[in-house]
Amino acid sequence: MASTEVQWRVEADSRLSWPEVTPPMSAAVPDMLELHYELESKAAKWYATIDIANAFFSIPLAAECRPQFAFTWRGVQYTWNRLPQGWKHSPTICHGLIQTALEKGEAPEHLQYIDDIIVWGNSAEEVSEKGKNIVQILLKAGFAIKQSKVKGPAQEIQFLGIK
């Protein structure tokens, strides 16, 4: 599948077999609209966003789970070793693991939607410090951060497609 950055990424079409063998899971991913309302209520002057690079692929699959993700392509059988994109529970699992890492690392106040994080404050310095703190927590937890995906501090910023 082509991404907007003119790079290719492998994505599974899980509509065929995974739904039948995947038990339901309660979603822990927050509603995007509620996040925007909460962010508006902060009335901050400065913002910064952090987007974790290839977050799903940063999460290894347990060896005992890998057989359920096996597939055959051109006569050769493969399986995922990392959390696949396209599986219905990948966003929930990814969100939960990042949330846990941020809680354990005592991250400053922030909002998170899967692998997108926003911090805010009353000065550029405050926001910059909060952002650096969160980046360090995520790096320590094994997530990769591309500097090009860290935006701000800025007085106006786009988060989840909305400024």
N, C-alpha and C. Protein backbone atom coordinates (compact mmCIF):
# COMPACT_ATOMS: atom_id res chain seq x y z
N MET A 1 0.85 -1.17 0.00
CA MET A 1 0.00 0.00 0.00
C MET A 1 0.90 1.24 0.00
N ALA A 2 0.66 2.18 -0.86
CA ALA A 2 1.47 3.40 -0.94
C ALA A 2 1.02 4.38 0.14
N SER A 3 1.98 4.97 0.83
CA SER A 3 1.64 5.99 1.82
C SER A 3 1.90 7.36 1.21
N THR A 4 1.51 8.41 1.92
CA THR A 4 1.66 9.76 1.39
C THR A 4 3.11 10.20 1.32
N GLU A 5 4.01 9.51 2.03
CA GLU A 5 5.42 9.87 2.02
C GLU A 5 6.19 9.13 0.93
N VAL A 6 5.51 8.56 -0.03
CA VAL A 6 6.08 7.82 -1.15
C VAL A 6 6.99 6.70 -0.63
N GLN A 7 6.52 6.02 0.39
CA GLN A 7 7.17 4.82 0.89
C GLN A 7 6.11 3.73 0.85
N TRP A 8 6.56 2.49 0.79
CA TRP A 8 5.63 1.38 0.77
C TRP A 8 5.59 0.74 2.15
N ARG A 9 4.41 0.25 2.51
CA ARG A 9 4.31 -0.51 3.75
C ARG A 9 3.42 -1.71 3.47
N VAL A 10 3.71 -2.80 4.14
CA VAL A 10 2.92 -4.01 3.99
C VAL A 10 1.74 -3.90 4.94
N GLU A 11 0.56 -4.19 4.42
CA GLU A 11 -0.64 -4.16 5.24
C GLU A 11 -1.46 -5.38 4.90
N ALA A 12 -1.93 -6.07 5.91
CA ALA A 12 -2.71 -7.28 5.69
C ALA A 12 -4.17 -6.94 5.45
N ASP A 13 -4.79 -7.68 4.55
CA ASP A 13 -6.23 -7.58 4.35
C ASP A 13 -6.84 -8.66 5.22
N SER A 14 -7.23 -8.28 6.42
CA SER A 14 -7.67 -9.27 7.41
C SER A 14 -9.17 -9.58 7.33
N ARG A 15 -9.83 -9.13 6.30
CA ARG A 15 -11.28 -9.36 6.21
C ARG A 15 -11.61 -10.82 5.95
N LEU A 16 -10.66 -11.60 5.48
CA LEU A 16 -10.97 -12.95 5.06
C LEU A 16 -10.95 -13.99 6.18
N SER A 17 -9.89 -14.06 6.99
CA SER A 17 -9.84 -15.14 7.97
C SER A 17 -9.70 -14.67 9.42
N TRP A 18 -9.01 -13.59 9.67
CA TRP A 18 -8.79 -13.18 11.05
C TRP A 18 -10.08 -12.90 11.82
N PRO A 19 -11.09 -12.29 11.21
CA PRO A 19 -12.31 -12.01 12.00
C PRO A 19 -12.95 -13.25 12.60
N GLU A 20 -12.87 -14.40 11.89
CA GLU A 20 -13.51 -15.60 12.42
C GLU A 20 -12.77 -16.18 13.62
N VAL A 21 -11.47 -15.95 13.72
CA VAL A 21 -10.69 -16.55 14.80
C VAL A 21 -10.30 -15.54 15.87
N THR A 22 -10.75 -14.31 15.75
CA THR A 22 -10.37 -13.27 16.70
C THR A 22 -11.53 -12.97 17.63
N PRO A 23 -11.35 -13.26 18.93
CA PRO A 23 -12.43 -12.94 19.87
C PRO A 23 -12.58 -11.43 20.04
N PRO A 24 -13.76 -10.98 20.45
CA PRO A 24 -13.96 -9.54 20.64
C PRO A 24 -13.08 -9.00 21.77
N MET A 25 -12.77 -7.71 21.68
CA MET A 25 -11.97 -7.03 22.70
C MET A 25 -12.61 -5.66 22.91
N SER A 26 -12.73 -5.26 24.17
CA SER A 26 -13.32 -3.94 24.40
C SER A 26 -12.32 -2.87 23.99
N ALA A 27 -12.80 -1.89 23.28
CA ALA A 27 -11.93 -0.83 22.76
C ALA A 27 -11.52 0.12 23.88
N ALA A 28 -10.22 0.39 23.94
CA ALA A 28 -9.70 1.33 24.92
C ALA A 28 -9.23 2.61 24.24
N VAL A 29 -9.48 2.71 22.95
CA VAL A 29 -9.05 3.88 22.18
C VAL A 29 -10.11 4.97 22.37
N PRO A 30 -9.70 6.17 22.77
CA PRO A 30 -10.68 7.23 23.01
C PRO A 30 -11.32 7.73 21.72
N ASP A 31 -12.46 8.34 21.87
CA ASP A 31 -13.16 8.94 20.74
C ASP A 31 -12.43 10.22 20.31
N MET A 32 -12.17 10.35 19.01
CA MET A 32 -11.41 11.50 18.51
C MET A 32 -12.10 12.83 18.81
N LEU A 33 -13.41 12.88 18.66
CA LEU A 33 -14.14 14.12 18.91
C LEU A 33 -14.05 14.52 20.38
N GLU A 34 -14.17 13.54 21.28
CA GLU A 34 -14.04 13.84 22.71
C GLU A 34 -12.64 14.37 23.04
N LEU A 35 -11.62 13.82 22.38
CA LEU A 35 -10.26 14.32 22.59
C LEU A 35 -10.15 15.78 22.18
N HIS A 36 -10.76 16.13 21.04
CA HIS A 36 -10.71 17.52 20.58
C HIS A 36 -11.44 18.46 21.55
N TYR A 37 -12.57 18.02 22.07
CA TYR A 37 -13.29 18.84 23.05
C TYR A 37 -12.44 19.02 24.31
N GLU A 38 -11.80 17.95 24.75
CA GLU A 38 -10.95 18.05 25.94
C GLU A 38 -9.77 18.98 25.69
N LEU A 39 -9.18 18.89 24.51
CA LEU A 39 -8.05 19.76 24.18
C LEU A 39 -8.48 21.23 24.14
N GLU A 40 -9.65 21.50 23.56
CA GLU A 40 -10.16 22.88 23.52
C GLU A 40 -10.37 23.43 24.93
N SER A 41 -10.77 22.57 25.85
CA SER A 41 -11.03 23.03 27.22
C SER A 41 -9.75 23.44 27.95
N LYS A 42 -8.60 23.06 27.45
CA LYS A 42 -7.32 23.40 28.10
C LYS A 42 -6.96 24.87 27.88
N ALA A 43 -7.45 25.48 26.84
CA ALA A 43 -7.19 26.89 26.53
C ALA A 43 -5.70 27.22 26.63
N ALA A 44 -4.87 26.36 26.05
CA ALA A 44 -3.42 26.56 26.09
C ALA A 44 -2.99 27.52 24.99
N LYS A 45 -1.78 28.04 25.14
CA LYS A 45 -1.23 28.96 24.14
C LYS A 45 -0.24 28.28 23.21
N TRP A 46 0.37 27.19 23.68
CA TRP A 46 1.40 26.49 22.90
C TRP A 46 1.11 24.99 22.88
N TYR A 47 1.51 24.35 21.76
CA TYR A 47 1.25 22.92 21.58
C TYR A 47 2.45 22.26 20.91
N ALA A 48 2.53 20.94 21.10
CA ALA A 48 3.49 20.12 20.35
C ALA A 48 2.86 18.74 20.16
N THR A 49 3.14 18.11 19.03
CA THR A 49 2.63 16.77 18.77
C THR A 49 3.79 15.81 18.52
N ILE A 50 3.55 14.56 18.87
CA ILE A 50 4.51 13.48 18.67
C ILE A 50 3.76 12.34 18.01
N ASP A 51 4.30 11.83 16.92
CA ASP A 51 3.72 10.68 16.22
C ASP A 51 4.77 9.59 16.21
N ILE A 52 4.47 8.47 16.83
CA ILE A 52 5.43 7.37 16.91
C ILE A 52 5.58 6.73 15.54
N ALA A 53 6.82 6.52 15.12
CA ALA A 53 7.11 5.94 13.80
C ALA A 53 6.81 4.44 13.81
N ASN A 54 6.00 4.00 12.85
CA ASN A 54 5.71 2.57 12.68
C ASN A 54 5.37 1.89 14.01
N ALA A 55 4.46 2.48 14.74
CA ALA A 55 4.16 2.03 16.10
C ALA A 55 3.76 0.56 16.16
N PHE A 56 2.90 0.11 15.25
CA PHE A 56 2.47 -1.29 15.29
C PHE A 56 3.67 -2.22 15.13
N PHE A 57 4.56 -1.86 14.22
CA PHE A 57 5.72 -2.72 13.96
C PHE A 57 6.77 -2.64 15.06
N SER A 58 6.58 -1.78 16.03
CA SER A 58 7.47 -1.71 17.20
C SER A 58 7.08 -2.73 18.25
N ILE A 59 5.93 -3.37 18.06
CA ILE A 59 5.38 -4.26 19.07
C ILE A 59 5.51 -5.71 18.60
N PRO A 60 6.37 -6.50 19.26
CA PRO A 60 6.54 -7.90 18.84
C PRO A 60 5.31 -8.74 19.20
N LEU A 61 5.00 -9.70 18.34
CA LEU A 61 3.95 -10.67 18.64
C LEU A 61 4.54 -11.79 19.47
N ALA A 62 3.82 -12.26 20.45
CA ALA A 62 4.26 -13.42 21.22
C ALA A 62 4.35 -14.62 20.28
N ALA A 63 5.35 -15.45 20.48
CA ALA A 63 5.59 -16.60 19.59
C ALA A 63 4.34 -17.48 19.47
N GLU A 64 3.61 -17.66 20.57
CA GLU A 64 2.43 -18.53 20.53
C GLU A 64 1.28 -17.92 19.73
N CYS A 65 1.32 -16.63 19.45
CA CYS A 65 0.27 -15.97 18.67
C CYS A 65 0.56 -15.96 17.18
N ARG A 66 1.79 -16.17 16.80
CA ARG A 66 2.18 -16.01 15.40
C ARG A 66 1.46 -16.95 14.43
N PRO A 67 1.18 -18.21 14.80
CA PRO A 67 0.49 -19.08 13.82
C PRO A 67 -0.85 -18.53 13.33
N GLN A 68 -1.57 -17.81 14.17
CA GLN A 68 -2.87 -17.29 13.72
C GLN A 68 -2.72 -16.17 12.70
N PHE A 69 -1.50 -15.66 12.52
CA PHE A 69 -1.26 -14.60 11.55
C PHE A 69 -0.51 -15.12 10.32
N ALA A 70 -0.43 -16.43 10.16
CA ALA A 70 0.27 -17.01 9.01
C ALA A 70 -0.52 -16.76 7.73
N PHE A 71 0.20 -16.59 6.64
CA PHE A 71 -0.42 -16.42 5.32
C PHE A 71 0.53 -16.98 4.27
N THR A 72 -0.02 -17.29 3.12
CA THR A 72 0.77 -17.82 2.02
C THR A 72 0.76 -16.82 0.89
N TRP A 73 1.93 -16.56 0.34
CA TRP A 73 2.07 -15.65 -0.79
C TRP A 73 3.03 -16.28 -1.79
N ARG A 74 2.55 -16.45 -3.02
CA ARG A 74 3.33 -17.06 -4.09
C ARG A 74 3.92 -18.40 -3.67
N GLY A 75 3.10 -19.19 -2.98
CA GLY A 75 3.50 -20.54 -2.59
C GLY A 75 4.42 -20.64 -1.39
N VAL A 76 4.72 -19.54 -0.75
CA VAL A 76 5.59 -19.55 0.43
C VAL A 76 4.79 -19.07 1.63
N GLN A 77 4.91 -19.80 2.74
CA GLN A 77 4.17 -19.40 3.94
C GLN A 77 5.01 -18.46 4.80
N TYR A 78 4.34 -17.40 5.26
CA TYR A 78 4.96 -16.39 6.12
C TYR A 78 4.08 -16.20 7.34
N THR A 79 4.61 -15.53 8.34
CA THR A 79 3.80 -15.10 9.47
C THR A 79 4.34 -13.76 9.97
N TRP A 80 3.48 -13.04 10.62
CA TRP A 80 3.88 -11.76 11.20
C TRP A 80 4.68 -12.02 12.47
N ASN A 81 5.72 -11.24 12.69
CA ASN A 81 6.49 -11.26 13.93
C ASN A 81 6.19 -10.02 14.77
N ARG A 82 5.55 -9.05 14.15
CA ARG A 82 5.19 -7.78 14.79
C ARG A 82 3.70 -7.57 14.65
N LEU A 83 3.15 -6.69 15.44
CA LEU A 83 1.72 -6.40 15.40
C LEU A 83 1.35 -5.91 14.00
N PRO A 84 0.48 -6.64 13.30
CA PRO A 84 0.19 -6.26 11.90
C PRO A 84 -0.80 -5.12 11.78
N GLN A 85 -0.59 -4.29 10.76
CA GLN A 85 -1.58 -3.28 10.41
C GLN A 85 -2.71 -4.01 9.69
N GLY A 86 -3.91 -3.61 9.94
CA GLY A 86 -5.05 -4.24 9.29
C GLY A 86 -5.79 -5.21 10.19
N TRP A 87 -5.20 -5.62 11.30
CA TRP A 87 -5.89 -6.50 12.24
C TRP A 87 -6.75 -5.63 13.15
N LYS A 88 -7.98 -6.05 13.42
CA LYS A 88 -8.93 -5.18 14.12
C LYS A 88 -8.50 -4.78 15.53
N HIS A 89 -7.66 -5.57 16.19
CA HIS A 89 -7.25 -5.23 17.55
C HIS A 89 -5.92 -4.50 17.63
N SER A 90 -5.23 -4.34 16.51
CA SER A 90 -3.93 -3.66 16.55
C SER A 90 -4.01 -2.26 17.14
N PRO A 91 -4.97 -1.42 16.74
CA PRO A 91 -5.04 -0.08 17.33
C PRO A 91 -5.24 -0.09 18.85
N THR A 92 -6.11 -0.98 19.34
CA THR A 92 -6.39 -1.05 20.77
C THR A 92 -5.16 -1.51 21.54
N ILE A 93 -4.49 -2.54 21.04
CA ILE A 93 -3.29 -3.06 21.71
C ILE A 93 -2.19 -2.00 21.71
N CYS A 94 -1.98 -1.38 20.56
CA CYS A 94 -0.95 -0.35 20.44
C CYS A 94 -1.23 0.81 21.39
N HIS A 95 -2.45 1.31 21.38
CA HIS A 95 -2.83 2.42 22.26
C HIS A 95 -2.56 2.06 23.72
N GLY A 96 -2.98 0.86 24.11
CA GLY A 96 -2.81 0.43 25.50
C GLY A 96 -1.36 0.32 25.92
N LEU A 97 -0.51 -0.21 25.05
CA LEU A 97 0.91 -0.35 25.40
C LEU A 97 1.60 1.01 25.50
N ILE A 98 1.26 1.92 24.61
CA ILE A 98 1.84 3.26 24.68
C ILE A 98 1.34 3.97 25.94
N GLN A 99 0.07 3.85 26.22
CA GLN A 99 -0.52 4.47 27.41
C GLN A 99 0.16 3.94 28.68
N THR A 100 0.37 2.64 28.74
CA THR A 100 1.04 2.04 29.89
C THR A 100 2.46 2.56 30.05
N ALA A 101 3.19 2.65 28.93
CA ALA A 101 4.57 3.17 28.97
C ALA A 101 4.58 4.60 29.49
N LEU A 102 3.64 5.42 29.02
CA LEU A 102 3.58 6.82 29.45
C LEU A 102 3.21 6.94 30.93
N GLU A 103 2.30 6.08 31.39
CA GLU A 103 1.92 6.10 32.81
C GLU A 103 3.10 5.67 33.69
N LYS A 104 3.78 4.59 33.29
CA LYS A 104 4.93 4.10 34.07
C LYS A 104 6.05 5.13 34.10
N GLY A 105 6.21 5.85 33.01
CA GLY A 105 7.26 6.87 32.94
C GLY A 105 6.86 8.20 33.55
N GLU A 106 5.64 8.24 34.11
CA GLU A 106 5.12 9.47 34.73
C GLU A 106 5.18 10.65 33.77
N ALA A 107 4.64 10.43 32.59
CA ALA A 107 4.62 11.46 31.55
C ALA A 107 3.81 12.67 32.01
N PRO A 108 4.20 13.86 31.55
CA PRO A 108 3.41 15.05 31.86
C PRO A 108 2.02 14.95 31.21
N GLU A 109 1.12 15.84 31.61
CA GLU A 109 -0.24 15.83 31.07
C GLU A 109 -0.20 15.88 29.54
N HIS A 110 -1.00 15.01 28.92
CA HIS A 110 -1.02 14.88 27.47
C HIS A 110 -2.34 14.23 27.07
N LEU A 111 -2.61 14.21 25.77
CA LEU A 111 -3.70 13.44 25.21
C LEU A 111 -3.09 12.49 24.19
N GLN A 112 -3.66 11.30 24.10
CA GLN A 112 -3.13 10.28 23.20
C GLN A 112 -4.25 9.64 22.40
N TYR A 113 -4.00 9.45 21.11
CA TYR A 113 -4.89 8.67 20.26
C TYR A 113 -4.00 7.69 19.50
N ILE A 114 -4.00 6.47 19.91
CA ILE A 114 -3.16 5.39 19.39
C ILE A 114 -1.70 5.82 19.45
N ASP A 115 -1.10 6.23 18.33
CA ASP A 115 0.32 6.61 18.34
C ASP A 115 0.53 8.11 18.16
N ASP A 116 -0.53 8.89 18.29
CA ASP A 116 -0.45 10.35 18.19
C ASP A 116 -0.64 10.95 19.58
N ILE A 117 0.27 11.84 19.95
CA ILE A 117 0.27 12.43 21.29
C ILE A 117 0.39 13.94 21.16
N ILE A 118 -0.34 14.66 22.01
CA ILE A 118 -0.23 16.12 22.03
C ILE A 118 0.01 16.58 23.47
N VAL A 119 0.88 17.58 23.60
CA VAL A 119 1.11 18.25 24.89
C VAL A 119 0.84 19.73 24.69
N TRP A 120 0.60 20.44 25.77
CA TRP A 120 0.26 21.86 25.69
C TRP A 120 0.81 22.58 26.91
N GLY A 121 0.81 23.88 26.81
CA GLY A 121 1.28 24.69 27.93
C GLY A 121 1.16 26.16 27.62
N ASN A 122 1.65 26.99 28.53
CA ASN A 122 1.54 28.43 28.38
C ASN A 122 2.77 29.07 27.76
N SER A 123 3.84 28.30 27.58
CA SER A 123 5.03 28.84 26.93
C SER A 123 5.66 27.78 26.03
N ALA A 124 6.42 28.25 25.06
CA ALA A 124 7.11 27.33 24.16
C ALA A 124 8.09 26.46 24.95
N GLU A 125 8.75 27.04 25.94
CA GLU A 125 9.73 26.30 26.73
C GLU A 125 9.06 25.17 27.52
N GLU A 126 7.91 25.46 28.12
CA GLU A 126 7.18 24.45 28.88
C GLU A 126 6.77 23.29 27.98
N VAL A 127 6.24 23.61 26.82
CA VAL A 127 5.79 22.58 25.88
C VAL A 127 6.97 21.78 25.34
N SER A 128 8.05 22.45 25.04
CA SER A 128 9.25 21.77 24.55
C SER A 128 9.75 20.77 25.58
N GLU A 129 9.77 21.16 26.83
CA GLU A 129 10.24 20.28 27.92
C GLU A 129 9.31 19.08 28.07
N LYS A 130 8.00 19.31 28.02
CA LYS A 130 7.04 18.20 28.11
C LYS A 130 7.22 17.23 26.95
N GLY A 131 7.39 17.77 25.75
CA GLY A 131 7.58 16.93 24.57
C GLY A 131 8.84 16.09 24.68
N LYS A 132 9.94 16.70 25.12
CA LYS A 132 11.20 15.96 25.28
C LYS A 132 11.05 14.85 26.31
N ASN A 133 10.34 15.14 27.38
CA ASN A 133 10.10 14.14 28.43
C ASN A 133 9.35 12.94 27.87
N ILE A 134 8.29 13.19 27.12
CA ILE A 134 7.50 12.11 26.54
C ILE A 134 8.33 11.32 25.53
N VAL A 135 9.09 12.00 24.69
CA VAL A 135 9.94 11.30 23.72
C VAL A 135 10.91 10.37 24.44
N GLN A 136 11.53 10.83 25.52
CA GLN A 136 12.47 9.99 26.27
C GLN A 136 11.79 8.76 26.86
N ILE A 137 10.59 8.93 27.39
CA ILE A 137 9.83 7.81 27.95
C ILE A 137 9.54 6.78 26.85
N LEU A 138 9.11 7.26 25.69
CA LEU A 138 8.78 6.36 24.59
C LEU A 138 10.01 5.63 24.05
N LEU A 139 11.11 6.35 23.93
CA LEU A 139 12.36 5.71 23.47
C LEU A 139 12.80 4.63 24.45
N LYS A 140 12.71 4.92 25.73
CA LYS A 140 13.08 3.95 26.76
C LYS A 140 12.19 2.71 26.70
N ALA A 141 10.93 2.89 26.31
CA ALA A 141 9.98 1.78 26.20
C ALA A 141 10.15 1.00 24.89
N GLY A 142 11.06 1.45 24.01
CA GLY A 142 11.33 0.71 22.78
C GLY A 142 10.63 1.22 21.54
N PHE A 143 9.98 2.35 21.63
CA PHE A 143 9.32 2.93 20.46
C PHE A 143 10.28 3.85 19.73
N ALA A 144 10.16 3.91 18.41
CA ALA A 144 11.02 4.78 17.60
C ALA A 144 10.29 6.10 17.36
N ILE A 145 11.04 7.17 17.41
CA ILE A 145 10.49 8.50 17.15
C ILE A 145 11.29 9.13 16.03
N LYS A 146 10.63 9.50 14.95
CA LYS A 146 11.28 10.26 13.89
C LYS A 146 11.14 11.74 14.23
N GLN A 147 12.25 12.45 14.23
CA GLN A 147 12.19 13.88 14.54
C GLN A 147 11.26 14.62 13.59
N SER A 148 11.15 14.14 12.35
CA SER A 148 10.26 14.79 11.39
C SER A 148 8.79 14.66 11.78
N LYS A 149 8.48 13.73 12.70
CA LYS A 149 7.10 13.54 13.14
C LYS A 149 6.82 14.24 14.47
N VAL A 150 7.79 14.97 14.98
CA VAL A 150 7.59 15.79 16.17
C VAL A 150 7.38 17.22 15.69
N LYS A 151 6.23 17.78 16.01
CA LYS A 151 5.87 19.13 15.55
C LYS A 151 5.72 20.06 16.75
N GLY A 152 6.24 21.27 16.60
CA GLY A 152 6.09 22.27 17.64
C GLY A 152 7.36 22.40 18.45
N PRO A 153 7.30 23.25 19.46
CA PRO A 153 6.16 23.99 19.95
C PRO A 153 5.67 25.03 18.93
N ALA A 154 4.36 25.19 18.90
CA ALA A 154 3.73 26.17 18.02
C ALA A 154 2.44 26.64 18.68
N GLN A 155 2.01 27.83 18.29
CA GLN A 155 0.77 28.36 18.85
C GLN A 155 -0.46 27.81 18.15
N GLU A 156 -0.27 27.24 16.99
CA GLU A 156 -1.35 26.55 16.27
C GLU A 156 -0.75 25.29 15.69
N ILE A 157 -1.43 24.16 15.89
CA ILE A 157 -0.88 22.88 15.43
C ILE A 157 -2.01 21.96 15.00
N GLN A 158 -1.71 21.04 14.12
CA GLN A 158 -2.71 20.08 13.66
C GLN A 158 -2.58 18.80 14.48
N PHE A 159 -3.71 18.33 15.02
CA PHE A 159 -3.74 17.09 15.79
C PHE A 159 -4.93 16.28 15.32
N LEU A 160 -4.68 15.09 14.85
CA LEU A 160 -5.72 14.20 14.33
C LEU A 160 -6.52 14.86 13.21
N GLY A 161 -5.82 15.61 12.39
CA GLY A 161 -6.43 16.21 11.21
C GLY A 161 -7.14 17.53 11.44
N ILE A 162 -7.14 18.03 12.67
CA ILE A 162 -7.83 19.29 12.97
C ILE A 162 -6.85 20.26 13.61
N LYS A 163 -6.92 21.54 13.20
CA LYS A 163 -6.06 22.57 13.81
C LYS A 163 -6.73 23.13 15.03
